[in-house]
């Protein structure tokens, strides 16, 4: 049997810092984003993963701060990977990931001037 991985999904609690981006242009008031205006947690995803035959996931942060990193670490669920925000690759986050036997990889925030 092959291991099937969902390589990109987000968890968030609607109405918190995690979804504040939905309340500013161009997203604010856009009806296309209405289905996203709710909380999404591992328990919401689990039955869909099972039905689709997906074994593990890689979770991507919904906000760019250390509180988000900690929130995602607390919801590990079926994750085998986690993309977190980093300002200079925060060492305690790397240690927390290593404690959970999760792969760590440094990344930097994207910018239009990055090459």
PDB file of N, CA and C in Angstrom:
ATOM      1  N   UNK A   1       0.838  -1.184   0.000  1.00  0.00           N
ATOM      2  CA  UNK A   1       0.000   0.000   0.000  1.00  0.00           C
ATOM      3  C   UNK A   1       0.882   1.246   0.000  1.00  0.00           C
ATOM      4  N   UNK A   2       0.540   2.219  -0.811  1.00  0.00           N
ATOM      5  CA  UNK A   2       1.268   3.481  -0.888  1.00  0.00           C
ATOM      6  C   UNK A   2       0.734   4.474   0.129  1.00  0.00           C
ATOM      7  N   UNK A   3       1.633   5.288   0.637  1.00  0.00           N
ATOM      8  CA  UNK A   3       1.250   6.355   1.548  1.00  0.00           C
ATOM      9  C   UNK A   3       0.762   7.532   0.721  1.00  0.00           C
ATOM     10  N   UNK A   4      -0.459   7.994   0.978  1.00  0.00           N
ATOM     11  CA  UNK A   4      -1.037   9.119   0.255  1.00  0.00           C
ATOM     12  C   UNK A   4      -1.029  10.334   1.175  1.00  0.00           C
ATOM     13  N   UNK A   5      -0.465  11.460   0.684  1.00  0.00           N
ATOM     14  CA  UNK A   5      -0.296  12.661   1.494  1.00  0.00           C
ATOM     15  C   UNK A   5      -1.015  13.838   0.851  1.00  0.00           C
ATOM     16  N   UNK A   6      -1.831  14.543   1.643  1.00  0.00           N
ATOM     17  CA  UNK A   6      -2.407  15.827   1.245  1.00  0.00           C
ATOM     18  C   UNK A   6      -1.340  16.852   1.586  1.00  0.00           C
ATOM     19  N   UNK A   7      -0.768  17.495   0.589  1.00  0.00           N
ATOM     20  CA  UNK A   7       0.403  18.335   0.797  1.00  0.00           C
ATOM     21  C   UNK A   7       0.101  19.788   1.158  1.00  0.00           C
ATOM     22  N   UNK A   8      -1.155  20.151   1.342  1.00  0.00           N
ATOM     23  CA  UNK A   8      -1.422  21.560   1.651  1.00  0.00           C
ATOM     24  C   UNK A   8      -2.834  21.737   2.193  1.00  0.00           C
ATOM     25  N   UNK A   9      -2.926  22.032   3.484  1.00  0.00           N
ATOM     26  CA  UNK A   9      -4.205  22.454   4.037  1.00  0.00           C
ATOM     27  C   UNK A   9      -3.963  23.344   5.249  1.00  0.00           C
ATOM     28  N   UNK A  10      -4.998  24.125   5.585  1.00  0.00           N
ATOM     29  CA  UNK A  10      -4.920  25.075   6.697  1.00  0.00           C
ATOM     30  C   UNK A  10      -5.961  24.720   7.753  1.00  0.00           C
ATOM     31  N   UNK A  11      -5.638  25.020   9.021  1.00  0.00           N
ATOM     32  CA  UNK A  11      -6.613  24.995  10.108  1.00  0.00           C
ATOM     33  C   UNK A  11      -6.704  26.412  10.647  1.00  0.00           C
ATOM     34  N   UNK A  12      -7.920  26.832  11.035  1.00  0.00           N
ATOM     35  CA  UNK A  12      -8.063  28.137  11.668  1.00  0.00           C
ATOM     36  C   UNK A  12      -9.343  28.218  12.465  1.00  0.00           C
ATOM     37  N   UNK A  13      -9.359  29.199  13.360  1.00  0.00           N
ATOM     38  CA  UNK A  13     -10.563  29.532  14.115  1.00  0.00           C
ATOM     39  C   UNK A  13     -11.065  30.851  13.564  1.00  0.00           C
ATOM     40  N   UNK A  14     -12.240  30.817  12.972  1.00  0.00           N
ATOM     41  CA  UNK A  14     -12.768  32.017  12.325  1.00  0.00           C
ATOM     42  C   UNK A  14     -13.005  33.135  13.337  1.00  0.00           C
ATOM     43  N   UNK A  15     -12.698  34.362  12.917  1.00  0.00           N
ATOM     44  CA  UNK A  15     -12.894  35.526  13.765  1.00  0.00           C
ATOM     45  C   UNK A  15     -11.692  35.841  14.646  1.00  0.00           C
ATOM     46  N   UNK A  16     -10.580  35.128  14.443  1.00  0.00           N
ATOM     47  CA  UNK A  16      -9.358  35.388  15.199  1.00  0.00           C
ATOM     48  C   UNK A  16      -8.307  35.972  14.255  1.00  0.00           C
ATOM     49  N   UNK A  17      -7.107  36.183  14.777  1.00  0.00           N
ATOM     50  CA  UNK A  17      -6.000  36.662  13.952  1.00  0.00           C
ATOM     51  C   UNK A  17      -5.782  35.768  12.732  1.00  0.00           C
ATOM     52  N   UNK A  18      -6.167  34.494  12.813  1.00  0.00           N
ATOM     53  CA  UNK A  18      -5.929  33.556  11.721  1.00  0.00           C
ATOM     54  C   UNK A  18      -6.734  33.889  10.473  1.00  0.00           C
ATOM     55  N   UNK A  19      -7.857  34.551  10.643  1.00  0.00           N
ATOM     56  CA  UNK A  19      -8.708  34.850   9.479  1.00  0.00           C
ATOM     57  C   UNK A  19      -8.901  36.342   9.262  1.00  0.00           C
ATOM     58  N   UNK A  20      -8.109  37.169   9.915  1.00  0.00           N
ATOM     59  CA  UNK A  20      -8.264  38.615   9.762  1.00  0.00           C
ATOM     60  C   UNK A  20      -8.051  39.062   8.314  1.00  0.00           C
ATOM     61  N   UNK A  21      -7.303  38.300   7.546  1.00  0.00           N
ATOM     62  CA  UNK A  21      -7.065  38.639   6.141  1.00  0.00           C
ATOM     63  C   UNK A  21      -8.349  38.628   5.310  1.00  0.00           C
ATOM     64  N   UNK A  22      -9.369  37.893   5.772  1.00  0.00           N
ATOM     65  CA  UNK A  22     -10.639  37.831   5.022  1.00  0.00           C
ATOM     66  C   UNK A  22     -11.453  39.106   5.162  1.00  0.00           C
ATOM     67  N   UNK A  23     -11.095  39.937   6.111  1.00  0.00           N
ATOM     68  CA  UNK A  23     -11.891  41.135   6.403  1.00  0.00           C
ATOM     69  C   UNK A  23     -11.324  42.399   5.783  1.00  0.00           C
ATOM     70  N   UNK A  24     -10.343  42.264   4.905  1.00  0.00           N
ATOM     71  CA  UNK A  24      -9.753  43.419   4.221  1.00  0.00           C
ATOM     72  C   UNK A  24      -9.815  43.179   2.717  1.00  0.00           C
ATOM     73  N   UNK A  25      -9.837  44.275   1.930  1.00  0.00           N
ATOM     74  CA  UNK A  25      -9.846  44.109   0.474  1.00  0.00           C
ATOM     75  C   UNK A  25      -8.626  43.310   0.015  1.00  0.00           C
ATOM     76  N   UNK A  26      -8.767  42.510  -0.995  1.00  0.00           N
ATOM     77  CA  UNK A  26      -9.934  42.338  -1.859  1.00  0.00           C
ATOM     78  C   UNK A  26     -10.913  41.261  -1.375  1.00  0.00           C
ATOM     79  N   UNK A  27     -10.668  40.659  -0.200  1.00  0.00           N
ATOM     80  CA  UNK A  27     -11.485  39.539   0.261  1.00  0.00           C
ATOM     81  C   UNK A  27     -12.758  39.959   0.980  1.00  0.00           C
ATOM     82  N   UNK A  28     -12.727  41.088   1.687  1.00  0.00           N
ATOM     83  CA  UNK A  28     -13.887  41.540   2.468  1.00  0.00           C
ATOM     84  C   UNK A  28     -15.096  41.715   1.558  1.00  0.00           C
ATOM     85  N   UNK A  29     -16.197  41.105   1.919  1.00  0.00           N
ATOM     86  CA  UNK A  29     -17.430  41.239   1.158  1.00  0.00           C
ATOM     87  C   UNK A  29     -17.501  40.400  -0.101  1.00  0.00           C
ATOM     88  N   UNK A  30     -16.445  39.686  -0.438  1.00  0.00           N
ATOM     89  CA  UNK A  30     -16.442  38.863  -1.645  1.00  0.00           C
ATOM     90  C   UNK A  30     -17.205  37.569  -1.360  1.00  0.00           C
ATOM     91  N   UNK A  31     -18.338  37.349  -2.043  1.00  0.00           N
ATOM     92  CA  UNK A  31     -19.140  36.149  -1.776  1.00  0.00           C
ATOM     93  C   UNK A  31     -18.406  34.846  -2.094  1.00  0.00           C
ATOM     94  N   UNK A  32     -17.377  34.888  -2.904  1.00  0.00           N
ATOM     95  CA  UNK A  32     -16.618  33.682  -3.221  1.00  0.00           C
ATOM     96  C   UNK A  32     -15.914  33.124  -1.978  1.00  0.00           C
ATOM     97  N   UNK A  33     -15.687  33.973  -0.979  1.00  0.00           N
ATOM     98  CA  UNK A  33     -15.008  33.545   0.246  1.00  0.00           C
ATOM     99  C   UNK A  33     -15.981  33.124   1.342  1.00  0.00           C
ATOM    100  N   UNK A  34     -17.275  33.204   1.076  1.00  0.00           N
ATOM    101  CA  UNK A  34     -18.267  32.841   2.090  1.00  0.00           C
ATOM    102  C   UNK A  34     -18.088  31.415   2.629  1.00  0.00           C
ATOM    103  N   UNK A  35     -17.803  30.414   1.794  1.00  0.00           N
ATOM    104  CA  UNK A  35     -17.612  29.060   2.328  1.00  0.00           C
ATOM    105  C   UNK A  35     -16.424  28.949   3.296  1.00  0.00           C
ATOM    106  N   UNK A  36     -15.487  29.874   3.214  1.00  0.00           N
ATOM    107  CA  UNK A  36     -14.308  29.852   4.091  1.00  0.00           C
ATOM    108  C   UNK A  36     -14.534  30.586   5.408  1.00  0.00           C
ATOM    109  N   UNK A  37     -15.626  31.313   5.505  1.00  0.00           N
ATOM    110  CA  UNK A  37     -15.880  32.116   6.707  1.00  0.00           C
ATOM    111  C   UNK A  37     -16.477  31.251   7.823  1.00  0.00           C
ATOM    112  N   UNK A  38     -15.680  30.307   8.259  1.00  0.00           N
ATOM    113  CA  UNK A  38     -16.014  29.432   9.386  1.00  0.00           C
ATOM    114  C   UNK A  38     -14.710  28.831   9.887  1.00  0.00           C
ATOM    115  N   UNK A  39     -14.764  28.196  11.031  1.00  0.00           N
ATOM    116  CA  UNK A  39     -13.575  27.544  11.578  1.00  0.00           C
ATOM    117  C   UNK A  39     -13.327  26.220  10.868  1.00  0.00           C
ATOM    118  N   UNK A  40     -12.066  25.867  10.713  1.00  0.00           N
ATOM    119  CA  UNK A  40     -11.639  24.588  10.148  1.00  0.00           C
ATOM    120  C   UNK A  40     -10.613  23.984  11.096  1.00  0.00           C
ATOM    121  N   UNK A  41     -10.929  22.807  11.633  1.00  0.00           N
ATOM    122  CA  UNK A  41     -10.067  22.129  12.597  1.00  0.00           C
ATOM    123  C   UNK A  41      -9.803  20.693  12.138  1.00  0.00           C
ATOM    124  N   UNK A  42      -8.830  20.010  12.745  1.00  0.00           N
ATOM    125  CA  UNK A  42      -8.529  18.634  12.333  1.00  0.00           C
ATOM    126  C   UNK A  42      -9.748  17.713  12.343  1.00  0.00           C
ATOM    127  N   UNK A  43     -10.651  17.892  13.288  1.00  0.00           N
ATOM    128  CA  UNK A  43     -11.845  17.036  13.340  1.00  0.00           C
ATOM    129  C   UNK A  43     -12.736  17.235  12.111  1.00  0.00           C
ATOM    130  N   UNK A  44     -12.713  18.424  11.515  1.00  0.00           N
ATOM    131  CA  UNK A  44     -13.480  18.675  10.292  1.00  0.00           C
ATOM    132  C   UNK A  44     -12.861  17.944   9.101  1.00  0.00           C
ATOM    133  N   UNK A  45     -11.544  17.859   9.104  1.00  0.00           N
ATOM    134  CA  UNK A  45     -10.831  17.271   7.977  1.00  0.00           C
ATOM    135  C   UNK A  45     -10.758  15.746   8.036  1.00  0.00           C
ATOM    136  N   UNK A  46     -10.680  15.174   9.228  1.00  0.00           N
ATOM    137  CA  UNK A  46     -10.445  13.737   9.393  1.00  0.00           C
ATOM    138  C   UNK A  46     -11.381  12.849   8.578  1.00  0.00           C
ATOM    139  N   UNK A  47     -12.703  13.054   8.619  1.00  0.00           N
ATOM    140  CA  UNK A  47     -13.562  12.150   7.827  1.00  0.00           C
ATOM    141  C   UNK A  47     -13.354  12.302   6.321  1.00  0.00           C
ATOM    142  N   UNK A  48     -13.007  13.494   5.878  1.00  0.00           N
ATOM    143  CA  UNK A  48     -12.757  13.707   4.447  1.00  0.00           C
ATOM    144  C   UNK A  48     -11.467  13.012   4.012  1.00  0.00           C
ATOM    145  N   UNK A  49     -10.441  13.072   4.879  1.00  0.00           N
ATOM    146  CA  UNK A  49      -9.195  12.364   4.576  1.00  0.00           C
ATOM    147  C   UNK A  49      -9.441  10.866   4.465  1.00  0.00           C
ATOM    148  N   UNK A  50     -10.176  10.330   5.427  1.00  0.00           N
ATOM    149  CA  UNK A  50     -10.456   8.896   5.434  1.00  0.00           C
ATOM    150  C   UNK A  50     -11.230   8.485   4.185  1.00  0.00           C
ATOM    151  N   UNK A  51     -12.248   9.259   3.841  1.00  0.00           N
ATOM    152  CA  UNK A  51     -13.064   8.936   2.665  1.00  0.00           C
ATOM    153  C   UNK A  51     -12.256   8.986   1.373  1.00  0.00           C
ATOM    154  N   UNK A  52     -11.259   9.881   1.323  1.00  0.00           N
ATOM    155  CA  UNK A  52     -10.438  10.026   0.121  1.00  0.00           C
ATOM    156  C   UNK A  52      -9.231   9.098   0.116  1.00  0.00           C
ATOM    157  N   UNK A  53      -9.020   8.346   1.206  1.00  0.00           N
ATOM    158  CA  UNK A  53      -7.881   7.442   1.270  1.00  0.00           C
ATOM    159  C   UNK A  53      -6.560   8.148   1.515  1.00  0.00           C
ATOM    160  N   UNK A  54      -6.612   9.298   2.168  1.00  0.00           N
ATOM    161  CA  UNK A  54      -5.398  10.063   2.469  1.00  0.00           C
ATOM    162  C   UNK A  54      -4.935   9.709   3.877  1.00  0.00           C
ATOM    163  N   UNK A  55      -3.635   9.398   4.007  1.00  0.00           N
ATOM    164  CA  UNK A  55      -3.090   8.919   5.274  1.00  0.00           C
ATOM    165  C   UNK A  55      -2.479  10.009   6.141  1.00  0.00           C
ATOM    166  N   UNK A  56      -1.836  10.992   5.558  1.00  0.00           N
ATOM    167  CA  UNK A  56      -1.144  12.037   6.306  1.00  0.00           C
ATOM    168  C   UNK A  56      -1.306  13.374   5.592  1.00  0.00           C
ATOM    169  N   UNK A  57      -1.006  14.446   6.325  1.00  0.00           N
ATOM    170  CA  UNK A  57      -1.141  15.779   5.744  1.00  0.00           C
ATOM    171  C   UNK A  57       0.068  16.638   6.074  1.00  0.00           C
ATOM    172  N   UNK A  58       0.227  17.694   5.287  1.00  0.00           N
ATOM    173  CA  UNK A  58       1.181  18.758   5.577  1.00  0.00           C
ATOM    174  C   UNK A  58       0.341  19.996   5.808  1.00  0.00           C
ATOM    175  N   UNK A  59       0.455  20.565   6.988  1.00  0.00           N
ATOM    176  CA  UNK A  59      -0.338  21.739   7.343  1.00  0.00           C
ATOM    177  C   UNK A  59       0.466  23.009   7.082  1.00  0.00           C
ATOM    178  N   UNK A  60      -0.205  23.994   6.516  1.00  0.00           N
ATOM    179  CA  UNK A  60       0.409  25.280   6.197  1.00  0.00           C
ATOM    180  C   UNK A  60      -0.183  26.333   7.130  1.00  0.00           C
ATOM    181  N   UNK A  61       0.646  27.230   7.603  1.00  0.00           N
ATOM    182  CA  UNK A  61       0.163  28.239   8.544  1.00  0.00           C
ATOM    183  C   UNK A  61      -0.903  29.126   7.905  1.00  0.00           C
ATOM    184  N   UNK A  62      -1.797  29.639   8.756  1.00  0.00           N
ATOM    185  CA  UNK A  62      -2.845  30.557   8.300  1.00  0.00           C
ATOM    186  C   UNK A  62      -2.493  31.997   8.659  1.00  0.00           C
ATOM    187  N   UNK A  63      -1.487  32.205   9.484  1.00  0.00           N
ATOM    188  CA  UNK A  63      -1.055  33.540   9.897  1.00  0.00           C
ATOM    189  C   UNK A  63       0.454  33.506  10.106  1.00  0.00           C
ATOM    190  N   UNK A  64       1.065  34.677  10.077  1.00  0.00           N
ATOM    191  CA  UNK A  64       2.525  34.739  10.169  1.00  0.00           C
ATOM    192  C   UNK A  64       2.993  35.261  11.526  1.00  0.00           C
ATOM    193  N   UNK A  65       2.838  34.400  12.544  1.00  0.00           N
ATOM    194  CA  UNK A  65       3.330  34.771  13.868  1.00  0.00           C
ATOM    195  C   UNK A  65       3.601  33.516  14.695  1.00  0.00           C
ATOM    196  N   UNK A  66       4.320  33.692  15.783  1.00  0.00           N
ATOM    197  CA  UNK A  66       4.697  32.542  16.601  1.00  0.00           C
ATOM    198  C   UNK A  66       3.508  31.889  17.279  1.00  0.00           C
ATOM    199  N   UNK A  67       2.464  32.659  17.611  1.00  0.00           N
ATOM    200  CA  UNK A  67       1.260  32.076  18.210  1.00  0.00           C
ATOM    201  C   UNK A  67       0.635  31.061  17.252  1.00  0.00           C
ATOM    202  N   UNK A  68       0.679  31.357  15.977  1.00  0.00           N
ATOM    203  CA  UNK A  68       0.151  30.432  14.972  1.00  0.00           C
ATOM    204  C   UNK A  68       0.956  29.137  14.962  1.00  0.00           C
ATOM    205  N   UNK A  69       2.276  29.256  15.033  1.00  0.00           N
ATOM    206  CA  UNK A  69       3.118  28.061  15.065  1.00  0.00           C
ATOM    207  C   UNK A  69       2.726  27.166  16.238  1.00  0.00           C
ATOM    208  N   UNK A  70       2.568  27.752  17.405  1.00  0.00           N
ATOM    209  CA  UNK A  70       2.208  26.976  18.593  1.00  0.00           C
ATOM    210  C   UNK A  70       0.814  26.352  18.443  1.00  0.00           C
ATOM    211  N   UNK A  71      -0.121  27.098  17.876  1.00  0.00           N
ATOM    212  CA  UNK A  71      -1.476  26.566  17.668  1.00  0.00           C
ATOM    213  C   UNK A  71      -1.437  25.344  16.746  1.00  0.00           C
ATOM    214  N   UNK A  72      -0.639  25.418  15.687  1.00  0.00           N
ATOM    215  CA  UNK A  72      -0.544  24.288  14.761  1.00  0.00           C
ATOM    216  C   UNK A  72       0.142  23.084  15.404  1.00  0.00           C
ATOM    217  N   UNK A  73       1.153  23.333  16.199  1.00  0.00           N
ATOM    218  CA  UNK A  73       1.822  22.233  16.890  1.00  0.00           C
ATOM    219  C   UNK A  73       0.858  21.517  17.828  1.00  0.00           C
ATOM    220  N   UNK A  74      -0.080  22.265  18.411  1.00  0.00           N
ATOM    221  CA  UNK A  74      -1.056  21.676  19.334  1.00  0.00           C
ATOM    222  C   UNK A  74      -2.099  20.826  18.608  1.00  0.00           C
ATOM    223  N   UNK A  75      -2.287  21.039  17.303  1.00  0.00           N
ATOM    224  CA  UNK A  75      -3.308  20.310  16.536  1.00  0.00           C
ATOM    225  C   UNK A  75      -2.689  19.278  15.601  1.00  0.00           C
ATOM    226  N   UNK A  76      -1.586  18.737  15.944  1.00  0.00           N
ATOM    227  CA  UNK A  76      -0.790  17.882  15.054  1.00  0.00           C
ATOM    228  C   UNK A  76      -1.616  16.921  14.219  1.00  0.00           C
ATOM    229  N   UNK A  77      -2.610  16.302  14.769  1.00  0.00           N
ATOM    230  CA  UNK A  77      -3.490  15.395  14.027  1.00  0.00           C
ATOM    231  C   UNK A  77      -2.673  14.386  13.212  1.00  0.00           C
ATOM    232  N   UNK A  78      -2.954  14.253  11.933  1.00  0.00           N
ATOM    233  CA  UNK A  78      -2.287  13.277  11.070  1.00  0.00           C
ATOM    234  C   UNK A  78      -1.140  13.909  10.296  1.00  0.00           C
ATOM    235  N   UNK A  79      -0.604  15.013  10.794  1.00  0.00           N
ATOM    236  CA  UNK A  79       0.438  15.725  10.065  1.00  0.00           C
ATOM    237  C   UNK A  79       1.748  14.953  10.025  1.00  0.00           C
ATOM    238  N   UNK A  80       2.401  15.011   8.888  1.00  0.00           N
ATOM    239  CA  UNK A  80       3.780  14.551   8.799  1.00  0.00           C
ATOM    240  C   UNK A  80       4.697  15.717   8.504  1.00  0.00           C
ATOM    241  N   UNK A  81       4.110  16.844   8.203  1.00  0.00           N
ATOM    242  CA  UNK A  81       4.884  18.042   7.939  1.00  0.00           C
ATOM    243  C   UNK A  81       4.097  19.265   8.337  1.00  0.00           C
ATOM    244  N   UNK A  82       4.819  20.342   8.557  1.00  0.00           N
ATOM    245  CA  UNK A  82       4.200  21.582   9.000  1.00  0.00           C
ATOM    246  C   UNK A  82       5.020  22.736   8.485  1.00  0.00           C
ATOM    247  N   UNK A  83       4.393  23.623   7.727  1.00  0.00           N
ATOM    248  CA  UNK A  83       5.069  24.836   7.285  1.00  0.00           C
ATOM    249  C   UNK A  83       4.697  25.925   8.268  1.00  0.00           C
ATOM    250  N   UNK A  84       5.681  26.498   8.917  1.00  0.00           N
ATOM    251  CA  UNK A  84       5.427  27.525   9.915  1.00  0.00           C
ATOM    252  C   UNK A  84       6.102  28.825   9.534  1.00  0.00           C
ATOM    253  N   UNK A  85       5.626  29.907  10.136  1.00  0.00           N
ATOM    254  CA  UNK A  85       6.207  31.222   9.946  1.00  0.00           C
ATOM    255  C   UNK A  85       7.503  31.319  10.714  1.00  0.00           C
ATOM    256  N   UNK A  86       8.449  32.056  10.167  1.00  0.00           N
ATOM    257  CA  UNK A  86       9.732  32.215  10.825  1.00  0.00           C
ATOM    258  C   UNK A  86      10.296  33.593  10.563  1.00  0.00           C
ATOM    259  N   UNK A  87      10.777  34.230  11.610  1.00  0.00           N
ATOM    260  CA  UNK A  87      11.552  35.463  11.479  1.00  0.00           C
ATOM    261  C   UNK A  87      12.963  35.094  11.904  1.00  0.00           C
ATOM    262  N   UNK A  88      13.822  34.791  10.953  1.00  0.00           N
ATOM    263  CA  UNK A  88      15.161  34.359  11.269  1.00  0.00           C
ATOM    264  C   UNK A  88      15.203  32.927  11.768  1.00  0.00           C
ATOM    265  N   UNK A  89      14.201  32.155  11.450  1.00  0.00           N
ATOM    266  CA  UNK A  89      14.056  30.756  11.845  1.00  0.00           C
ATOM    267  C   UNK A  89      14.235  30.600  13.342  1.00  0.00           C
ATOM    268  N   UNK A  90      13.177  30.805  14.021  1.00  0.00           N
ATOM    269  CA  UNK A  90      13.097  30.822  15.480  1.00  0.00           C
ATOM    270  C   UNK A  90      13.492  29.465  16.061  1.00  0.00           C
ATOM    271  N   UNK A  91      14.622  29.387  16.754  1.00  0.00           N
ATOM    272  CA  UNK A  91      15.153  28.122  17.261  1.00  0.00           C
ATOM    273  C   UNK A  91      14.178  27.334  18.133  1.00  0.00           C
ATOM    274  N   UNK A  92      13.436  27.966  19.081  1.00  0.00           N
ATOM    275  CA  UNK A  92      12.499  27.156  19.874  1.00  0.00           C
ATOM    276  C   UNK A  92      11.455  26.419  19.032  1.00  0.00           C
ATOM    277  N   UNK A  93      11.032  26.995  17.926  1.00  0.00           N
ATOM    278  CA  UNK A  93      10.067  26.295  17.064  1.00  0.00           C
ATOM    279  C   UNK A  93      10.733  25.069  16.446  1.00  0.00           C
ATOM    280  N   UNK A  94      11.974  25.212  16.003  1.00  0.00           N
ATOM    281  CA  UNK A  94      12.674  24.055  15.437  1.00  0.00           C
ATOM    282  C   UNK A  94      12.786  22.947  16.483  1.00  0.00           C
ATOM    283  N   UNK A  95      13.117  23.315  17.717  1.00  0.00           N
ATOM    284  CA  UNK A  95      13.215  22.325  18.782  1.00  0.00           C
ATOM    285  C   UNK A  95      11.861  21.670  19.046  1.00  0.00           C
ATOM    286  N   UNK A  96      10.781  22.454  19.028  1.00  0.00           N
ATOM    287  CA  UNK A  96       9.439  21.894  19.255  1.00  0.00           C
ATOM    288  C   UNK A  96       9.077  20.898  18.152  1.00  0.00           C
ATOM    289  N   UNK A  97       9.417  21.222  16.911  1.00  0.00           N
ATOM    290  CA  UNK A  97       9.151  20.295  15.810  1.00  0.00           C
ATOM    291  C   UNK A  97       9.963  19.016  15.982  1.00  0.00           C
ATOM    292  N   UNK A  98      11.218  19.163  16.356  1.00  0.00           N
ATOM    293  CA  UNK A  98      12.065  17.989  16.557  1.00  0.00           C
ATOM    294  C   UNK A  98      11.543  17.117  17.684  1.00  0.00           C
ATOM    295  N   UNK A  99      10.988  17.715  18.737  1.00  0.00           N
ATOM    296  CA  UNK A  99      10.399  16.956  19.838  1.00  0.00           C
ATOM    297  C   UNK A  99       9.290  16.048  19.333  1.00  0.00           C
ATOM    298  N   UNK A 100       8.617  16.466  18.288  1.00  0.00           N
ATOM    299  CA  UNK A 100       7.492  15.717  17.738  1.00  0.00           C
ATOM    300  C   UNK A 100       7.902  14.860  16.547  1.00  0.00           C
ATOM    301  N   UNK A 101       9.206  14.712  16.339  1.00  0.00           N
ATOM    302  CA  UNK A 101       9.735  13.914  15.225  1.00  0.00           C
ATOM    303  C   UNK A 101       9.202  14.398  13.891  1.00  0.00           C
ATOM    304  N   UNK A 102       9.068  15.694  13.747  1.00  0.00           N
ATOM    305  CA  UNK A 102       8.612  16.262  12.485  1.00  0.00           C
ATOM    306  C   UNK A 102       9.803  16.857  11.757  1.00  0.00           C
ATOM    307  N   UNK A 103       9.797  16.745  10.440  1.00  0.00           N
ATOM    308  CA  UNK A 103      10.866  17.283   9.611  1.00  0.00           C
ATOM    309  C   UNK A 103      10.902  18.801   9.758  1.00  0.00           C
ATOM    310  N   UNK A 104      12.094  19.370   9.901  1.00  0.00           N
ATOM    311  CA  UNK A 104      12.217  20.820   9.987  1.00  0.00           C
ATOM    312  C   UNK A 104      12.962  21.331   8.767  1.00  0.00           C
ATOM    313  N   UNK A 105      12.510  22.453   8.287  1.00  0.00           N
ATOM    314  CA  UNK A 105      13.145  23.089   7.143  1.00  0.00           C
ATOM    315  C   UNK A 105      12.985  24.587   7.292  1.00  0.00           C
ATOM    316  N   UNK A 106      14.061  25.298   7.205  1.00  0.00           N
ATOM    317  CA  UNK A 106      14.009  26.763   7.326  1.00  0.00           C
ATOM    318  C   UNK A 106      13.426  27.362   6.058  1.00  0.00           C
ATOM    319  N   UNK A 107      12.600  28.354   6.231  1.00  0.00           N
ATOM    320  CA  UNK A 107      12.093  29.110   5.092  1.00  0.00           C
ATOM    321  C   UNK A 107      11.962  30.559   5.526  1.00  0.00           C
ATOM    322  N   UNK A 108      11.899  31.441   4.573  1.00  0.00           N
ATOM    323  CA  UNK A 108      11.762  32.851   4.917  1.00  0.00           C
ATOM    324  C   UNK A 108      10.490  33.386   4.294  1.00  0.00           C
ATOM    325  N   UNK A 109       9.955  34.461   4.881  1.00  0.00           N
ATOM    326  CA  UNK A 109       8.751  35.044   4.279  1.00  0.00           C
ATOM    327  C   UNK A 109       9.010  35.457   2.835  1.00  0.00           C
ATOM    328  N   UNK A 110       8.054  35.249   1.973  1.00  0.00           N
ATOM    329  CA  UNK A 110       8.180  35.604   0.569  1.00  0.00           C
ATOM    330  C   UNK A 110       8.091  37.106   0.401  1.00  0.00           C
ATOM    331  N   UNK A 111       8.825  37.631  -0.526  1.00  0.00           N
ATOM    332  CA  UNK A 111       8.671  39.040  -0.890  1.00  0.00           C
ATOM    333  C   UNK A 111       8.853  39.162  -2.385  1.00  0.00           C
ATOM    334  N   UNK A 112       8.276  40.205  -2.954  1.00  0.00           N
ATOM    335  CA  UNK A 112       8.344  40.403  -4.399  1.00  0.00           C
ATOM    336  C   UNK A 112       9.787  40.629  -4.845  1.00  0.00           C
ATOM    337  N   UNK A 113      10.653  41.111  -3.936  1.00  0.00           N
ATOM    338  CA  UNK A 113      12.033  41.376  -4.312  1.00  0.00           C
ATOM    339  C   UNK A 113      12.934  40.162  -4.149  1.00  0.00           C
ATOM    340  N   UNK A 114      12.393  39.081  -3.570  1.00  0.00           N
ATOM    341  CA  UNK A 114      13.221  37.878  -3.366  1.00  0.00           C
ATOM    342  C   UNK A 114      13.550  37.245  -4.709  1.00  0.00           C
ATOM    343  N   UNK A 115      14.767  36.743  -4.818  1.00  0.00           N
ATOM    344  CA  UNK A 115      15.154  36.085  -6.083  1.00  0.00           C
ATOM    345  C   UNK A 115      15.531  34.660  -5.825  1.00  0.00           C
TER     346      UNK A 115
END
